[in-house]
PDB file of N, CA and C in Angstrom:
ATOM      1  N   MET A   1       0.811  -1.196   0.000  1.00  0.00           N
ATOM      2  CA  MET A   1       0.000   0.000   0.000  1.00  0.00           C
ATOM      3  C   MET A   1       0.855   1.261   0.000  1.00  0.00           C
ATOM      4  N   ALA A   2       1.960   1.242   0.749  1.00  0.00           N
ATOM      5  CA  ALA A   2       2.839   2.413   0.786  1.00  0.00           C
ATOM      6  C   ALA A   2       3.509   2.631  -0.561  1.00  0.00           C
ATOM      7  N   ASP A   3       3.828   1.528  -1.262  1.00  0.00           N
ATOM      8  CA  ASP A   3       4.434   1.658  -2.580  1.00  0.00           C
ATOM      9  C   ASP A   3       3.486   2.351  -3.548  1.00  0.00           C
ATOM     10  N   LEU A   4       2.222   2.042  -3.454  1.00  0.00           N
ATOM     11  CA  LEU A   4       1.235   2.660  -4.322  1.00  0.00           C
ATOM     12  C   LEU A   4       1.134   4.164  -4.054  1.00  0.00           C
ATOM     13  N   ALA A   5       1.224   4.565  -2.804  1.00  0.00           N
ATOM     14  CA  ALA A   5       1.172   5.989  -2.457  1.00  0.00           C
ATOM     15  C   ALA A   5       2.394   6.722  -3.004  1.00  0.00           C
ATOM     16  N   VAL A   6       3.571   6.107  -2.903  1.00  0.00           N
ATOM     17  CA  VAL A   6       4.790   6.736  -3.422  1.00  0.00           C
ATOM     18  C   VAL A   6       4.706   6.870  -4.935  1.00  0.00           C
ATOM     19  N   ILE A   7       4.211   5.837  -5.606  1.00  0.00           N
ATOM     20  CA  ILE A   7       4.065   5.899  -7.059  1.00  0.00           C
ATOM     21  C   ILE A   7       3.083   7.000  -7.447  1.00  0.00           C
ATOM     22  N   ALA A   8       1.993   7.141  -6.710  1.00  0.00           N
ATOM     23  CA  ALA A   8       1.013   8.185  -7.001  1.00  0.00           C
ATOM     24  C   ALA A   8       1.618   9.571  -6.823  1.00  0.00           C
ATOM     25  N   ILE A   9       2.396   9.752  -5.783  1.00  0.00           N
ATOM     26  CA  ILE A   9       3.056  11.047  -5.554  1.00  0.00           C
ATOM     27  C   ILE A   9       4.040  11.341  -6.675  1.00  0.00           C
ATOM     28  N   LEU A  10       4.813  10.344  -7.075  1.00  0.00           N
ATOM     29  CA  LEU A  10       5.795  10.541  -8.147  1.00  0.00           C
ATOM     30  C   LEU A  10       5.128  10.767  -9.501  1.00  0.00           C
ATOM     31  N   LEU A  11       3.972  10.150  -9.731  1.00  0.00           N
ATOM     32  CA  LEU A  11       3.250  10.375 -10.986  1.00  0.00           C
ATOM     33  C   LEU A  11       2.806  11.829 -11.126  1.00  0.00           C
ATOM     34  N   VAL A  12       2.569  12.492 -10.020  1.00  0.00           N
ATOM     35  CA  VAL A  12       2.217  13.909 -10.039  1.00  0.00           C
ATOM     36  C   VAL A  12       3.479  14.767  -9.964  1.00  0.00           C
ATOM     37  N   GLY A  13       4.426  14.364  -9.125  1.00  0.00           N
ATOM     38  CA  GLY A  13       5.597  15.185  -8.853  1.00  0.00           C
ATOM     39  C   GLY A  13       6.597  15.273  -9.987  1.00  0.00           C
ATOM     40  N   VAL A  14       6.858  14.178 -10.674  1.00  0.00           N
ATOM     41  CA  VAL A  14       7.871  14.182 -11.736  1.00  0.00           C
ATOM     42  C   VAL A  14       7.467  15.106 -12.891  1.00  0.00           C
ATOM     43  N   PRO A  15       6.243  15.030 -13.421  1.00  0.00           N
ATOM     44  CA  PRO A  15       5.880  15.990 -14.471  1.00  0.00           C
ATOM     45  C   PRO A  15       5.872  17.437 -13.968  1.00  0.00           C
ATOM     46  N   LEU A  16       5.483  17.630 -12.719  1.00  0.00           N
ATOM     47  CA  LEU A  16       5.495  18.979 -12.157  1.00  0.00           C
ATOM     48  C   LEU A  16       6.920  19.517 -12.066  1.00  0.00           C
ATOM     49  N   MET A  17       7.862  18.674 -11.649  1.00  0.00           N
ATOM     50  CA  MET A  17       9.266  19.092 -11.597  1.00  0.00           C
ATOM     51  C   MET A  17       9.779  19.445 -12.985  1.00  0.00           C
ATOM     52  N   GLY A  18       9.410  18.643 -13.965  1.00  0.00           N
ATOM     53  CA  GLY A  18       9.826  18.932 -15.342  1.00  0.00           C
ATOM     54  C   GLY A  18       9.249  20.243 -15.840  1.00  0.00           C
ATOM     55  N   TRP A  19       7.978  20.489 -15.524  1.00  0.00           N
ATOM     56  CA  TRP A  19       7.353  21.739 -15.957  1.00  0.00           C
ATOM     57  C   TRP A  19       7.994  22.949 -15.286  1.00  0.00           C
ATOM     58  N   ILE A  20       8.292  22.847 -13.994  1.00  0.00           N
ATOM     59  CA  ILE A  20       8.920  23.966 -13.276  1.00  0.00           C
ATOM     60  C   ILE A  20      10.290  24.272 -13.865  1.00  0.00           C
ATOM     61  N   THR A  21      11.056  23.236 -14.199  1.00  0.00           N
ATOM     62  CA  THR A  21      12.375  23.446 -14.782  1.00  0.00           C
ATOM     63  C   THR A  21      12.251  24.068 -16.168  1.00  0.00           C
ATOM     64  N   LEU A  22      11.350  23.578 -16.999  1.00  0.00           N
ATOM     65  CA  LEU A  22      11.137  24.140 -18.329  1.00  0.00           C
ATOM     66  C   LEU A  22      10.660  25.585 -18.238  1.00  0.00           C
ATOM     67  N   HIS A  23       9.768  25.851 -17.311  1.00  0.00           N
ATOM     68  CA  HIS A  23       9.259  27.218 -17.119  1.00  0.00           C
ATOM     69  C   HIS A  23      10.386  28.156 -16.672  1.00  0.00           C
ATOM     70  N   GLY A  24      11.299  27.651 -15.857  1.00  0.00           N
ATOM     71  CA  GLY A  24      12.445  28.460 -15.446  1.00  0.00           C
ATOM     72  C   GLY A  24      13.330  28.840 -16.613  1.00  0.00           C
ATOM     73  N   PHE A  25      13.528  27.916 -17.542  1.00  0.00           N
ATOM     74  CA  PHE A  25      14.296  28.233 -18.749  1.00  0.00           C
ATOM     75  C   PHE A  25      13.589  29.283 -19.591  1.00  0.00           C
ATOM     76  N   GLN A  26      12.281  29.183 -19.711  1.00  0.00           N
ATOM     77  CA  GLN A  26      11.521  30.105 -20.550  1.00  0.00           C
ATOM     78  C   GLN A  26      11.479  31.513 -19.967  1.00  0.00           C
ATOM     79  N   THR A  27      11.351  31.619 -18.654  1.00  0.00           N
ATOM     80  CA  THR A  27      11.220  32.937 -18.028  1.00  0.00           C
ATOM     81  C   THR A  27      12.546  33.529 -17.565  1.00  0.00           C
ATOM     82  N   GLY A  28      13.570  32.690 -17.404  1.00  0.00           N
ATOM     83  CA  GLY A  28      14.850  33.176 -16.909  1.00  0.00           C
ATOM     84  C   GLY A  28      14.912  33.260 -15.396  1.00  0.00           C
ATOM     85  N   THR A  29      13.923  32.711 -14.712  1.00  0.00           N
ATOM     86  CA  THR A  29      13.888  32.685 -13.252  1.00  0.00           C
ATOM     87  C   THR A  29      13.727  31.240 -12.798  1.00  0.00           C
ATOM     88  N   MET A  30      14.716  30.707 -12.079  1.00  0.00           N
ATOM     89  CA  MET A  30      14.688  29.313 -11.665  1.00  0.00           C
ATOM     90  C   MET A  30      14.426  29.235 -10.170  1.00  0.00           C
ATOM     91  N   TYR A  31      13.531  28.337  -9.805  1.00  0.00           N
ATOM     92  CA  TYR A  31      13.233  28.030  -8.412  1.00  0.00           C
ATOM     93  C   TYR A  31      13.834  26.668  -8.099  1.00  0.00           C
ATOM     94  N   ALA A  32      14.531  26.566  -6.979  1.00  0.00           N
ATOM     95  CA  ALA A  32      15.093  25.281  -6.564  1.00  0.00           C
ATOM     96  C   ALA A  32      14.028  24.514  -5.803  1.00  0.00           C
ATOM     97  N   PHE A  33      13.897  23.209  -6.091  1.00  0.00           N
ATOM     98  CA  PHE A  33      12.922  22.377  -5.394  1.00  0.00           C
ATOM     99  C   PHE A  33      13.260  22.321  -3.918  1.00  0.00           C
ATOM    100  N   GLY A  34      12.258  22.460  -3.081  1.00  0.00           N
ATOM    101  CA  GLY A  34      12.452  22.392  -1.640  1.00  0.00           C
ATOM    102  C   GLY A  34      12.844  23.717  -1.022  1.00  0.00           C
ATOM    103  N   VAL A  35      13.033  24.741  -1.832  1.00  0.00           N
ATOM    104  CA  VAL A  35      13.391  26.072  -1.316  1.00  0.00           C
ATOM    105  C   VAL A  35      12.342  27.053  -1.860  1.00  0.00           C
ATOM    106  N   PRO A  36      11.209  27.183  -1.189  1.00  0.00           N
ATOM    107  CA  PRO A  36      10.105  27.959  -1.747  1.00  0.00           C
ATOM    108  C   PRO A  36      10.347  29.462  -1.809  1.00  0.00           C
ATOM    109  N   TYR A  37      11.272  29.977  -1.042  1.00  0.00           N
ATOM    110  CA  TYR A  37      11.478  31.424  -0.995  1.00  0.00           C
ATOM    111  C   TYR A  37      12.614  31.892  -1.886  1.00  0.00           C
ATOM    112  N   ALA A  38      13.331  30.997  -2.545  1.00  0.00           N
ATOM    113  CA  ALA A  38      14.490  31.381  -3.338  1.00  0.00           C
ATOM    114  C   ALA A  38      14.189  31.255  -4.823  1.00  0.00           C
ATOM    115  N   SER A  39      14.425  32.343  -5.537  1.00  0.00           N
ATOM    116  CA  SER A  39      14.354  32.315  -6.996  1.00  0.00           C
ATOM    117  C   SER A  39      15.593  33.031  -7.521  1.00  0.00           C
ATOM    118  N   TYR A  40      16.110  32.526  -8.607  1.00  0.00           N
ATOM    119  CA  TYR A  40      17.374  33.033  -9.130  1.00  0.00           C
ATOM    120  C   TYR A  40      17.190  33.476 -10.570  1.00  0.00           C
ATOM    121  N   LEU A  41      17.492  34.741 -10.826  1.00  0.00           N
ATOM    122  CA  LEU A  41      17.399  35.287 -12.166  1.00  0.00           C
ATOM    123  C   LEU A  41      18.663  34.954 -12.942  1.00  0.00           C
ATOM    124  N   ARG A  42      18.495  34.544 -14.183  1.00  0.00           N
ATOM    125  CA  ARG A  42      19.643  34.201 -15.010  1.00  0.00           C
ATOM    126  C   ARG A  42      20.508  35.429 -15.273  1.00  0.00           C
ATOM    127  N   SER A  43      19.909  36.605 -15.394  1.00  0.00           N
ATOM    128  CA  SER A  43      20.672  37.814 -15.700  1.00  0.00           C
ATOM    129  C   SER A  43      21.421  38.371 -14.483  1.00  0.00           C
ATOM    130  N   LYS A  44      20.857  38.216 -13.282  1.00  0.00           N
ATOM    131  CA  LYS A  44      21.484  38.786 -12.089  1.00  0.00           C
ATOM    132  C   LYS A  44      22.360  37.792 -11.337  1.00  0.00           C
ATOM    133  N   ASN A  45      21.989  36.521 -11.337  1.00  0.00           N
ATOM    134  CA  ASN A  45      22.693  35.497 -10.576  1.00  0.00           C
ATOM    135  C   ASN A  45      22.900  34.251 -11.428  1.00  0.00           C
ATOM    136  N   PRO A  46      23.750  34.332 -12.449  1.00  0.00           N
ATOM    137  CA  PRO A  46      23.858  33.187 -13.364  1.00  0.00           C
ATOM    138  C   PRO A  46      24.378  31.914 -12.697  1.00  0.00           C
ATOM    139  N   PHE A  47      25.305  32.030 -11.738  1.00  0.00           N
ATOM    140  CA  PHE A  47      25.831  30.833 -11.089  1.00  0.00           C
ATOM    141  C   PHE A  47      24.729  30.105 -10.319  1.00  0.00           C
ATOM    142  N   LEU A  48      23.973  30.831  -9.501  1.00  0.00           N
ATOM    143  CA  LEU A  48      22.906  30.196  -8.724  1.00  0.00           C
ATOM    144  C   LEU A  48      21.759  29.724  -9.613  1.00  0.00           C
ATOM    145  N   PHE A  49      21.510  30.434 -10.717  1.00  0.00           N
ATOM    146  CA  PHE A  49      20.494  29.979 -11.669  1.00  0.00           C
ATOM    147  C   PHE A  49      20.867  28.603 -12.204  1.00  0.00           C
ATOM    148  N   TRP A  50      22.112  28.439 -12.645  1.00  0.00           N
ATOM    149  CA  TRP A  50      22.525  27.157 -13.220  1.00  0.00           C
ATOM    150  C   TRP A  50      22.696  26.095 -12.145  1.00  0.00           C
ATOM    151  N   PHE A  51      23.082  26.485 -10.942  1.00  0.00           N
ATOM    152  CA  PHE A  51      23.158  25.529  -9.839  1.00  0.00           C
ATOM    153  C   PHE A  51      21.770  24.985  -9.516  1.00  0.00           C
ATOM    154  N   ALA A  52      20.782  25.874  -9.436  1.00  0.00           N
ATOM    155  CA  ALA A  52      19.407  25.450  -9.177  1.00  0.00           C
ATOM    156  C   ALA A  52      18.883  24.591 -10.329  1.00  0.00           C
ATOM    157  N   THR A  53      19.270  24.924 -11.546  1.00  0.00           N
ATOM    158  CA  THR A  53      18.859  24.134 -12.704  1.00  0.00           C
ATOM    159  C   THR A  53      19.413  22.722 -12.618  1.00  0.00           C
ATOM    160  N   MET A  54      20.692  22.589 -12.320  1.00  0.00           N
ATOM    161  CA  MET A  54      21.305  21.270 -12.205  1.00  0.00           C
ATOM    162  C   MET A  54      20.687  20.484 -11.041  1.00  0.00           C
ATOM    163  N   PHE A  55      20.407  21.157  -9.949  1.00  0.00           N
ATOM    164  CA  PHE A  55      19.757  20.503  -8.815  1.00  0.00           C
ATOM    165  C   PHE A  55      18.373  19.992  -9.215  1.00  0.00           C
ATOM    166  N   ASN A  56      17.599  20.826  -9.911  1.00  0.00           N
ATOM    167  CA  ASN A  56      16.268  20.429 -10.348  1.00  0.00           C
ATOM    168  C   ASN A  56      16.330  19.238 -11.299  1.00  0.00           C
ATOM    169  N   ILE A  57      17.266  19.253 -12.225  1.00  0.00           N
ATOM    170  CA  ILE A  57      17.405  18.150 -13.173  1.00  0.00           C
ATOM    171  C   ILE A  57      17.816  16.874 -12.440  1.00  0.00           C
ATOM    172  N   PHE A  58      18.700  16.989 -11.458  1.00  0.00           N
ATOM    173  CA  PHE A  58      19.101  15.827 -10.669  1.00  0.00           C
ATOM    174  C   PHE A  58      17.901  15.224  -9.937  1.00  0.00           C
ATOM    175  N   VAL A  59      17.113  16.067  -9.289  1.00  0.00           N
ATOM    176  CA  VAL A  59      15.923  15.593  -8.574  1.00  0.00           C
ATOM    177  C   VAL A  59      14.928  14.977  -9.559  1.00  0.00           C
ATOM    178  N   LEU A  60      14.800  15.566 -10.735  1.00  0.00           N
ATOM    179  CA  LEU A  60      13.901  15.037 -11.751  1.00  0.00           C
ATOM    180  C   LEU A  60      14.341  13.649 -12.209  1.00  0.00           C
ATOM    181  N   ILE A  61      15.629  13.455 -12.456  1.00  0.00           N
ATOM    182  CA  ILE A  61      16.139  12.157 -12.904  1.00  0.00           C
ATOM    183  C   ILE A  61      15.984  11.106 -11.811  1.00  0.00           C
ATOM    184  N   VAL A  62      16.315  11.468 -10.567  1.00  0.00           N
ATOM    185  CA  VAL A  62      16.172  10.516  -9.466  1.00  0.00           C
ATOM    186  C   VAL A  62      14.706  10.150  -9.258  1.00  0.00           C
ATOM    187  N   GLY A  63      13.827  11.129  -9.308  1.00  0.00           N
ATOM    188  CA  GLY A  63      12.395  10.852  -9.155  1.00  0.00           C
ATOM    189  C   GLY A  63      11.865   9.970 -10.272  1.00  0.00           C
ATOM    190  N   ALA A  64      12.286  10.225 -11.501  1.00  0.00           N
ATOM    191  CA  ALA A  64      11.854   9.391 -12.626  1.00  0.00           C
ATOM    192  C   ALA A  64      12.415   7.977 -12.480  1.00  0.00           C
ATOM    193  N   GLY A  65      13.641   7.860 -11.985  1.00  0.00           N
ATOM    194  CA  GLY A  65      14.222   6.534 -11.765  1.00  0.00           C
ATOM    195  C   GLY A  65      13.444   5.735 -10.738  1.00  0.00           C
ATOM    196  N   PHE A  66      13.089   6.376  -9.625  1.00  0.00           N
ATOM    197  CA  PHE A  66      12.286   5.697  -8.611  1.00  0.00           C
ATOM    198  C   PHE A  66      10.906   5.330  -9.151  1.00  0.00           C
ATOM    199  N   LEU A  67      10.344   6.219  -9.969  1.00  0.00           N
ATOM    200  CA  LEU A  67       9.034   5.944 -10.552  1.00  0.00           C
ATOM    201  C   LEU A  67       9.100   4.738 -11.480  1.00  0.00           C
ATOM    202  N   LEU A  68      10.105   4.687 -12.333  1.00  0.00           N
ATOM    203  CA  LEU A  68      10.239   3.554 -13.248  1.00  0.00           C
ATOM    204  C   LEU A  68      10.538   2.258 -12.498  1.00  0.00           C
ATOM    205  N   LYS A  69      11.329   2.356 -11.438  1.00  0.00           N
ATOM    206  CA  LYS A  69      11.618   1.157 -10.644  1.00  0.00           C
ATOM    207  C   LYS A  69      10.351   0.642  -9.958  1.00  0.00           C
ATOM    208  N   GLY A  70       9.516   1.563  -9.498  1.00  0.00           N
ATOM    209  CA  GLY A  70       8.293   1.160  -8.814  1.00  0.00           C
ATOM    210  C   GLY A  70       7.241   0.596  -9.744  1.00  0.00           C
ATOM    211  N   ILE A  71       7.220   1.063 -10.977  1.00  0.00           N
ATOM    212  CA  ILE A  71       6.224   0.588 -11.932  1.00  0.00           C
ATOM    213  C   ILE A  71       6.632  -0.746 -12.527  1.00  0.00           C
ATOM    214  N   VAL A  72       7.906  -0.905 -12.817  1.00  0.00           N
ATOM    215  CA  VAL A  72       8.376  -2.146 -13.480  1.00  0.00           C
ATOM    216  C   VAL A  72       8.550  -3.261 -12.510  1.00  0.00           C
TER     217      VAL A  72
END
């Protein structure tokens, strides 16, 4: 039963993480997952923008990996 709940959360969370990362590229403002008060502008803070981007992509890949492992 707990596995089903985790899969359900990941089915919602992984696409949401992907959308947030894509939206950050489009707008030039990246939000790091788990840090609701921090946003980084690509023009003002390029290092933190790309750091948050890499962090988001890492979380997205790990979440997708867990999702695929749970489904298969």
